[in-house]
C-alpha atoms as a PDB file:
ATOM      1  CA  UNK A   1      19.733  23.259  53.415  1.00  0.00           C
ATOM      2  CA  UNK A   2      19.067  19.660  52.469  1.00  0.00           C
ATOM      3  CA  UNK A   3      18.717  18.708  56.061  1.00  0.00           C
ATOM      4  CA  UNK A   4      16.070  21.447  56.509  1.00  0.00           C
ATOM      5  CA  UNK A   5      14.193  20.175  53.584  1.00  0.00           C
ATOM      6  CA  UNK A   6      14.152  16.583  54.878  1.00  0.00           C
ATOM      7  CA  UNK A   7      12.858  17.843  58.327  1.00  0.00           C
ATOM      8  CA  UNK A   8      10.233  19.963  56.718  1.00  0.00           C
ATOM      9  CA  UNK A   9       8.872  16.870  54.615  1.00  0.00           C
ATOM     10  CA  UNK A  10       8.865  14.657  57.795  1.00  0.00           C
ATOM     11  CA  UNK A  11       6.821  17.287  59.807  1.00  0.00           C
ATOM     12  CA  UNK A  12       4.254  17.627  57.017  1.00  0.00           C
ATOM     13  CA  UNK A  13       3.965  13.854  56.653  1.00  0.00           C
ATOM     14  CA  UNK A  14       3.517  13.454  60.387  1.00  0.00           C
ATOM     15  CA  UNK A  15       0.907  16.088  60.415  1.00  0.00           C
ATOM     16  CA  UNK A  16      -0.964  14.343  57.578  1.00  0.00           C
ATOM     17  CA  UNK A  17      -0.905  11.089  59.537  1.00  0.00           C
ATOM     18  CA  UNK A  18      -2.293  12.809  62.551  1.00  0.00           C
ATOM     19  CA  UNK A  19      -5.022  14.427  60.720  1.00  0.00           C
ATOM     20  CA  UNK A  20      -5.867  11.112  59.101  1.00  0.00           C
ATOM     21  CA  UNK A  21      -6.178   9.452  62.565  1.00  0.00           C
ATOM     22  CA  UNK A  22      -8.217  12.294  63.851  1.00  0.00           C
ATOM     23  CA  UNK A  23     -10.695  12.270  61.064  1.00  0.00           C
ATOM     24  CA  UNK A  24     -11.198   8.501  60.572  1.00  0.00           C
ATOM     25  CA  UNK A  25     -13.786   7.268  63.009  1.00  0.00           C
ATOM     26  CA  UNK A  26     -14.250   3.597  63.986  1.00  0.00           C
ATOM     27  CA  UNK A  27     -17.096   1.853  62.352  1.00  0.00           C
ATOM     28  CA  UNK A  28     -19.743   0.422  64.749  1.00  0.00           C
ATOM     29  CA  UNK A  29     -21.128  -2.789  63.426  1.00  0.00           C
ATOM     30  CA  UNK A  30     -24.923  -3.556  64.232  1.00  0.00           C
ATOM     31  CA  UNK A  31     -25.323  -5.988  66.933  1.00  0.00           C
ATOM     32  CA  UNK A  32     -27.508  -9.021  66.059  1.00  0.00           C
ATOM     33  CA  UNK A  33     -30.036  -9.715  68.807  1.00  0.00           C
ATOM     34  CA  UNK A  34     -29.612 -13.135  70.455  1.00  0.00           C
ATOM     35  CA  UNK A  35     -31.984 -15.816  69.173  1.00  0.00           C
ATOM     36  CA  UNK A  36     -33.709 -18.314  71.380  1.00  0.00           C
ATOM     37  CA  UNK A  37     -31.935 -21.666  71.488  1.00  0.00           C
ATOM     38  CA  UNK A  38     -34.590 -23.923  69.861  1.00  0.00           C
ATOM     39  CA  UNK A  39     -32.514 -27.056  70.163  1.00  0.00           C
ATOM     40  CA  UNK A  40     -33.286 -27.395  73.860  1.00  0.00           C
ATOM     41  CA  UNK A  41     -36.807 -27.890  75.275  1.00  0.00           C
ATOM     42  CA  UNK A  42     -37.394 -25.853  78.300  1.00  0.00           C
ATOM     43  CA  UNK A  43     -39.517 -27.283  81.236  1.00  0.00           C
ATOM     44  CA  UNK A  44     -41.779 -25.251  83.404  1.00  0.00           C
ATOM     45  CA  UNK A  45     -43.212 -25.788  86.901  1.00  0.00           C
ATOM     46  CA  UNK A  46     -46.242 -23.638  88.081  1.00  0.00           C
ATOM     47  CA  UNK A  47     -46.999 -23.628  91.841  1.00  0.00           C
ATOM     48  CA  UNK A  48     -50.192 -22.021  93.280  1.00  0.00           C
ATOM     49  CA  UNK A  49     -53.836 -22.122  93.920  1.00  0.00           C
ATOM     50  CA  UNK A  50     -57.035 -21.285  91.874  1.00  0.00           C
ATOM     51  CA  UNK A  51     -55.242 -18.407  90.128  1.00  0.00           C
ATOM     52  CA  UNK A  52     -52.680 -20.785  88.832  1.00  0.00           C
ATOM     53  CA  UNK A  53     -54.929 -23.728  87.830  1.00  0.00           C
ATOM     54  CA  UNK A  54     -57.437 -21.256  86.200  1.00  0.00           C
ATOM     55  CA  UNK A  55     -60.656 -21.740  88.083  1.00  0.00           C
ATOM     56  CA  UNK A  56     -63.693 -21.116  85.848  1.00  0.00           C
ATOM     57  CA  UNK A  57     -61.742 -20.770  82.536  1.00  0.00           C
ATOM     58  CA  UNK A  58     -60.894 -23.371  79.955  1.00  0.00           C
ATOM     59  CA  UNK A  59     -57.730 -25.183  81.144  1.00  0.00           C
ATOM     60  CA  UNK A  60     -55.518 -24.072  78.319  1.00  0.00           C
ATOM     61  CA  UNK A  61     -56.458 -20.498  79.094  1.00  0.00           C
ATOM     62  CA  UNK A  62     -54.927 -20.396  82.474  1.00  0.00           C
ATOM     63  CA  UNK A  63     -51.875 -18.209  82.698  1.00  0.00           C
ATOM     64  CA  UNK A  64     -49.258 -21.171  82.785  1.00  0.00           C
ATOM     65  CA  UNK A  65     -50.610 -22.554  79.462  1.00  0.00           C
ATOM     66  CA  UNK A  66     -51.013 -19.064  77.924  1.00  0.00           C
ATOM     67  CA  UNK A  67     -47.464 -18.292  78.931  1.00  0.00           C
ATOM     68  CA  UNK A  68     -46.182 -21.498  77.425  1.00  0.00           C
ATOM     69  CA  UNK A  69     -47.952 -20.780  74.185  1.00  0.00           C
ATOM     70  CA  UNK A  70     -46.626 -17.313  74.010  1.00  0.00           C
ATOM     71  CA  UNK A  71     -43.033 -18.469  74.609  1.00  0.00           C
ATOM     72  CA  UNK A  72     -43.371 -21.162  71.818  1.00  0.00           C
ATOM     73  CA  UNK A  73     -44.563 -18.505  69.433  1.00  0.00           C
ATOM     74  CA  UNK A  74     -41.638 -16.417  70.327  1.00  0.00           C
ATOM     75  CA  UNK A  75     -39.310 -19.286  69.247  1.00  0.00           C
ATOM     76  CA  UNK A  76     -38.723 -20.996  72.513  1.00  0.00           C
ATOM     77  CA  UNK A  77     -39.457 -24.668  72.858  1.00  0.00           C
ATOM     78  CA  UNK A  78     -41.325 -25.044  76.037  1.00  0.00           C
ATOM     79  CA  UNK A  79     -42.875 -28.288  77.131  1.00  0.00           C
ATOM     80  CA  UNK A  80     -46.431 -28.564  78.709  1.00  0.00           C
ATOM     81  CA  UNK A  81     -46.324 -26.913  82.143  1.00  0.00           C
ATOM     82  CA  UNK A  82     -46.243 -29.086  85.172  1.00  0.00           C
ATOM     83  CA  UNK A  83     -48.870 -27.594  87.395  1.00  0.00           C
ATOM     84  CA  UNK A  84     -49.096 -28.185  91.152  1.00  0.00           C
ATOM     85  CA  UNK A  85     -52.183 -26.102  92.117  1.00  0.00           C
ATOM     86  CA  UNK A  86     -55.778 -26.284  93.332  1.00  0.00           C
ATOM     87  CA  UNK A  87     -58.622 -24.092  94.123  1.00  0.00           C
ATOM     88  CA  UNK A  88     -58.652 -23.091  97.851  1.00  0.00           C
ATOM     89  CA  UNK A  89     -55.071 -24.056  98.698  1.00  0.00           C
ATOM     90  CA  UNK A  90     -53.242 -22.137 101.275  1.00  0.00           C
ATOM     91  CA  UNK A  91     -49.481 -22.011 101.742  1.00  0.00           C
ATOM     92  CA  UNK A  92     -49.397 -25.050 103.993  1.00  0.00           C
ATOM     93  CA  UNK A  93     -51.708 -27.110 101.685  1.00  0.00           C
ATOM     94  CA  UNK A  94     -49.375 -26.323  98.800  1.00  0.00           C
ATOM     95  CA  UNK A  95     -46.273 -27.432 100.877  1.00  0.00           C
ATOM     96  CA  UNK A  96     -48.176 -30.654 101.622  1.00  0.00           C
ATOM     97  CA  UNK A  97     -49.160 -31.322  98.073  1.00  0.00           C
ATOM     98  CA  UNK A  98     -45.657 -30.825  96.850  1.00  0.00           C
ATOM     99  CA  UNK A  99     -44.348 -33.326  99.367  1.00  0.00           C
ATOM    100  CA  UNK A 100     -47.089 -35.828  98.350  1.00  0.00           C
ATOM    101  CA  UNK A 101     -46.195 -35.510  94.619  1.00  0.00           C
ATOM    102  CA  UNK A 102     -42.495 -36.392  95.412  1.00  0.00           C
ATOM    103  CA  UNK A 103     -41.309 -34.475  92.275  1.00  0.00           C
ATOM    104  CA  UNK A 104     -37.611 -35.023  91.793  1.00  0.00           C
ATOM    105  CA  UNK A 105     -37.284 -33.392  88.334  1.00  0.00           C
ATOM    106  CA  UNK A 106     -35.571 -29.995  87.994  1.00  0.00           C
ATOM    107  CA  UNK A 107     -37.260 -27.294  85.821  1.00  0.00           C
ATOM    108  CA  UNK A 108     -35.891 -24.463  83.723  1.00  0.00           C
ATOM    109  CA  UNK A 109     -38.147 -22.027  85.356  1.00  0.00           C
ATOM    110  CA  UNK A 110     -40.799 -21.912  87.951  1.00  0.00           C
ATOM    111  CA  UNK A 111     -43.696 -19.567  88.861  1.00  0.00           C
ATOM    112  CA  UNK A 112     -45.199 -19.213  92.359  1.00  0.00           C
ATOM    113  CA  UNK A 113     -48.450 -17.456  93.191  1.00  0.00           C
ATOM    114  CA  UNK A 114     -49.820 -18.159  96.640  1.00  0.00           C
ATOM    115  CA  UNK A 115     -51.453 -16.512  99.652  1.00  0.00           C
ATOM    116  CA  UNK A 116     -55.105 -15.435  98.734  1.00  0.00           C
ATOM    117  CA  UNK A 117     -56.629 -18.199 100.675  1.00  0.00           C
ATOM    118  CA  UNK A 118     -54.539 -17.486 103.718  1.00  0.00           C
ATOM    119  CA  UNK A 119     -55.963 -14.030 103.610  1.00  0.00           C
ATOM    120  CA  UNK A 120     -59.494 -15.208 102.936  1.00  0.00           C
ATOM    121  CA  UNK A 121     -59.533 -17.619 105.912  1.00  0.00           C
ATOM    122  CA  UNK A 122     -57.996 -15.035 108.200  1.00  0.00           C
ATOM    123  CA  UNK A 123     -54.786 -16.954 108.969  1.00  0.00           C
ATOM    124  CA  UNK A 124     -51.891 -15.270 110.738  1.00  0.00           C
ATOM    125  CA  UNK A 125     -49.973 -13.276 108.307  1.00  0.00           C
ATOM    126  CA  UNK A 126     -46.667 -14.009 110.058  1.00  0.00           C
ATOM    127  CA  UNK A 127     -47.352 -17.636 109.329  1.00  0.00           C
ATOM    128  CA  UNK A 128     -47.854 -16.777 105.746  1.00  0.00           C
ATOM    129  CA  UNK A 129     -44.209 -15.199 105.678  1.00  0.00           C
ATOM    130  CA  UNK A 130     -42.797 -18.331 107.148  1.00  0.00           C
ATOM    131  CA  UNK A 131     -44.454 -20.678 104.765  1.00  0.00           C
ATOM    132  CA  UNK A 132     -43.945 -18.400 101.762  1.00  0.00           C
ATOM    133  CA  UNK A 133     -40.316 -18.377 102.387  1.00  0.00           C
ATOM    134  CA  UNK A 134     -40.341 -22.204 102.594  1.00  0.00           C
ATOM    135  CA  UNK A 135     -42.257 -22.439  99.304  1.00  0.00           C
ATOM    136  CA  UNK A 136     -39.796 -19.838  97.706  1.00  0.00           C
ATOM    137  CA  UNK A 137     -36.873 -21.950  98.680  1.00  0.00           C
ATOM    138  CA  UNK A 138     -38.606 -25.054  97.290  1.00  0.00           C
ATOM    139  CA  UNK A 139     -39.199 -23.181  94.034  1.00  0.00           C
ATOM    140  CA  UNK A 140     -35.548 -22.158  93.856  1.00  0.00           C
ATOM    141  CA  UNK A 141     -34.524 -25.817  94.485  1.00  0.00           C
ATOM    142  CA  UNK A 142     -36.908 -26.898  91.632  1.00  0.00           C
ATOM    143  CA  UNK A 143     -35.157 -24.391  89.433  1.00  0.00           C
ATOM    144  CA  UNK A 144     -31.857 -26.040  90.033  1.00  0.00           C
ATOM    145  CA  UNK A 145     -30.699 -23.366  92.352  1.00  0.00           C
ATOM    146  CA  UNK A 146     -31.109 -20.612  89.665  1.00  0.00           C
ATOM    147  CA  UNK A 147     -32.802 -17.810  91.535  1.00  0.00           C
ATOM    148  CA  UNK A 148     -33.240 -15.675  88.323  1.00  0.00           C
ATOM    149  CA  UNK A 149     -35.410 -18.462  86.904  1.00  0.00           C
ATOM    150  CA  UNK A 150     -37.995 -18.275  89.661  1.00  0.00           C
ATOM    151  CA  UNK A 151     -40.840 -15.898  89.081  1.00  0.00           C
ATOM    152  CA  UNK A 152     -43.129 -14.823  91.983  1.00  0.00           C
ATOM    153  CA  UNK A 153     -46.560 -13.458  90.842  1.00  0.00           C
ATOM    154  CA  UNK A 154     -48.290 -11.035  93.225  1.00  0.00           C
ATOM    155  CA  UNK A 155     -51.728 -11.855  94.750  1.00  0.00           C
ATOM    156  CA  UNK A 156     -54.631 -10.268  92.789  1.00  0.00           C
ATOM    157  CA  UNK A 157     -57.117  -8.219  94.467  1.00  0.00           C
ATOM    158  CA  UNK A 158     -60.558 -10.003  94.354  1.00  0.00           C
ATOM    159  CA  UNK A 159     -62.209  -7.288  96.284  1.00  0.00           C
ATOM    160  CA  UNK A 160     -63.096  -5.566  93.118  1.00  0.00           C
ATOM    161  CA  UNK A 161     -64.968  -8.598  91.773  1.00  0.00           C
ATOM    162  CA  UNK A 162     -68.737  -8.995  92.220  1.00  0.00           C
ATOM    163  CA  UNK A 163     -67.979 -11.593  94.939  1.00  0.00           C
ATOM    164  CA  UNK A 164     -65.490  -9.244  96.732  1.00  0.00           C
ATOM    165  CA  UNK A 165     -67.807  -6.161  96.408  1.00  0.00           C
ATOM    166  CA  UNK A 166     -70.546  -8.109  98.432  1.00  0.00           C
ATOM    167  CA  UNK A 167     -68.061  -8.225 101.297  1.00  0.00           C
ATOM    168  CA  UNK A 168     -65.623  -5.430 102.392  1.00  0.00           C
ATOM    169  CA  UNK A 169     -63.693  -4.542  99.388  1.00  0.00           C
ATOM    170  CA  UNK A 170     -61.502  -1.878 101.161  1.00  0.00           C
ATOM    171  CA  UNK A 171     -60.506  -4.341 103.943  1.00  0.00           C
ATOM    172  CA  UNK A 172     -59.668  -6.984 101.328  1.00  0.00           C
ATOM    173  CA  UNK A 173     -57.651  -4.562  99.440  1.00  0.00           C
ATOM    174  CA  UNK A 174     -55.673  -3.540 102.510  1.00  0.00           C
ATOM    175  CA  UNK A 175     -54.934  -7.114 103.529  1.00  0.00           C
ATOM    176  CA  UNK A 176     -54.003  -8.238  99.998  1.00  0.00           C
ATOM    177  CA  UNK A 177     -51.437  -5.228 100.033  1.00  0.00           C
ATOM    178  CA  UNK A 178     -50.148  -6.471 103.344  1.00  0.00           C
ATOM    179  CA  UNK A 179     -49.628 -10.041 101.946  1.00  0.00           C
ATOM    180  CA  UNK A 180     -48.007  -8.671  98.703  1.00  0.00           C
ATOM    181  CA  UNK A 181     -45.671  -6.576 100.782  1.00  0.00           C
ATOM    182  CA  UNK A 182     -44.479  -9.647 102.405  1.00  0.00           C
ATOM    183  CA  UNK A 183     -44.071 -11.789  99.209  1.00  0.00           C
ATOM    184  CA  UNK A 184     -42.339  -8.949  97.415  1.00  0.00           C
ATOM    185  CA  UNK A 185     -40.037  -8.258 100.328  1.00  0.00           C
ATOM    186  CA  UNK A 186     -39.002 -11.963 100.565  1.00  0.00           C
ATOM    187  CA  UNK A 187     -38.616 -12.301  96.738  1.00  0.00           C
ATOM    188  CA  UNK A 188     -36.269  -9.312  96.593  1.00  0.00           C
ATOM    189  CA  UNK A 189     -34.429 -10.635  99.568  1.00  0.00           C
ATOM    190  CA  UNK A 190     -34.089 -14.102  97.890  1.00  0.00           C
ATOM    191  CA  UNK A 191     -32.933 -12.477  94.553  1.00  0.00           C
ATOM    192  CA  UNK A 192     -35.859 -13.952  92.394  1.00  0.00           C
ATOM    193  CA  UNK A 193     -37.972 -12.131  89.858  1.00  0.00           C
ATOM    194  CA  UNK A 194     -41.145 -10.445  91.007  1.00  0.00           C
ATOM    195  CA  UNK A 195     -44.102  -9.701  88.716  1.00  0.00           C
ATOM    196  CA  UNK A 196     -46.754  -7.398  90.119  1.00  0.00           C
ATOM    197  CA  UNK A 197     -50.083  -8.228  88.505  1.00  0.00           C
ATOM    198  CA  UNK A 198     -52.168  -6.611  91.311  1.00  0.00           C
ATOM    199  CA  UNK A 199     -52.827  -3.314  89.467  1.00  0.00           C
ATOM    200  CA  UNK A 200     -54.154  -5.348  86.450  1.00  0.00           C
ATOM    201  CA  UNK A 201     -56.458  -7.186  88.610  1.00  0.00           C
ATOM    202  CA  UNK A 202     -57.973  -3.956  90.014  1.00  0.00           C
ATOM    203  CA  UNK A 203     -58.924  -2.946  86.561  1.00  0.00           C
ATOM    204  CA  UNK A 204     -61.723  -5.356  86.959  1.00  0.00           C
ATOM    205  CA  UNK A 205     -63.543  -2.727  88.872  1.00  0.00           C
ATOM    206  CA  UNK A 206     -64.317  -1.034  85.560  1.00  0.00           C
ATOM    207  CA  UNK A 207     -63.781  -3.825  83.097  1.00  0.00           C
ATOM    208  CA  UNK A 208     -66.173  -6.726  83.988  1.00  0.00           C
ATOM    209  CA  UNK A 209     -64.830  -8.802  81.268  1.00  0.00           C
ATOM    210  CA  UNK A 210     -61.614  -9.405  83.309  1.00  0.00           C
ATOM    211  CA  UNK A 211     -63.661 -11.492  85.664  1.00  0.00           C
ATOM    212  CA  UNK A 212     -64.798 -14.979  85.033  1.00  0.00           C
ATOM    213  CA  UNK A 213     -68.436 -16.100  84.872  1.00  0.00           C
ATOM    214  CA  UNK A 214     -68.254 -17.087  88.534  1.00  0.00           C
ATOM    215  CA  UNK A 215     -67.935 -13.610  89.543  1.00  0.00           C
ATOM    216  CA  UNK A 216     -64.710 -14.088  91.352  1.00  0.00           C
ATOM    217  CA  UNK A 217     -61.790 -15.529  89.393  1.00  0.00           C
ATOM    218  CA  UNK A 218     -59.901 -13.877  86.492  1.00  0.00           C
ATOM    219  CA  UNK A 219     -61.122 -14.421  82.989  1.00  0.00           C
ATOM    220  CA  UNK A 220     -58.934 -15.594  80.154  1.00  0.00           C
ATOM    221  CA  UNK A 221     -58.573 -11.978  79.129  1.00  0.00           C
ATOM    222  CA  UNK A 222     -57.072 -11.046  82.506  1.00  0.00           C
ATOM    223  CA  UNK A 223     -54.693 -13.917  82.365  1.00  0.00           C
ATOM    224  CA  UNK A 224     -53.512 -12.633  78.959  1.00  0.00           C
ATOM    225  CA  UNK A 225     -52.779  -9.271  80.629  1.00  0.00           C
ATOM    226  CA  UNK A 226     -50.675 -11.068  83.208  1.00  0.00           C
ATOM    227  CA  UNK A 227     -48.716 -12.980  80.519  1.00  0.00           C
ATOM    228  CA  UNK A 228     -48.020  -9.748  78.865  1.00  0.00           C
ATOM    229  CA  UNK A 229     -45.889  -8.992  81.939  1.00  0.00           C
ATOM    230  CA  UNK A 230     -44.628 -12.406  82.489  1.00  0.00           C
ATOM    231  CA  UNK A 231     -43.495 -13.320  79.089  1.00  0.00           C
ATOM    232  CA  UNK A 232     -40.741 -10.509  78.755  1.00  0.00           C
ATOM    233  CA  UNK A 233     -39.470 -11.348  82.216  1.00  0.00           C
ATOM    234  CA  UNK A 234     -39.087 -14.966  81.391  1.00  0.00           C
ATOM    235  CA  UNK A 235     -37.570 -14.310  78.066  1.00  0.00           C
ATOM    236  CA  UNK A 236     -34.983 -12.049  79.632  1.00  0.00           C
ATOM    237  CA  UNK A 237     -33.586 -14.963  81.561  1.00  0.00           C
ATOM    238  CA  UNK A 238     -33.210 -17.123  78.375  1.00  0.00           C
END
């Protein structure tokens, strides 16, 4: 009888413990988002043409400077961007300019936007692919081999601007799409980031304030829209 009582008590006790284990759920603690490391100053290299240098807008309103300001506001310490870009440059002219500058410094992140002048001058698109890949590899090298710290920006469609509309906007759009198909394909293949701003550029067809006073290049407002896409892409890597 005594043995039966002991066994009964043990069974009830085990059942209570099981119920306790079944009813007590683990507590999930909130995850605190990672904060930017403000002890290190980030360096930035921007490679391109008139769209990078910011033709027809105040210099500090081009997209590299707007991006730098936005990242600093977000808590990152980014130094003044090093810009290698000039209005009218093609891929081969950018390659030559980089060689002339003899930059030996490595950068925390790099942007590359090039190709519109190849299209405008009617250059062989296959040459663009070859030279774009060379520039892409150069950008990766400048980023110290960190592919995810390179950001290729697509070519905007100037066919919707007053300048482009006076020519053949449909042909311009088709050729810009062909160039962007190449730079996107090569960017994906290389494992770098690709930021497609072309749809934004086409909004200028109905929003004239997205075009600068020269009737061709982006306004500061359009560059801001580009940065709205670029900033989170860059922040994601840091």
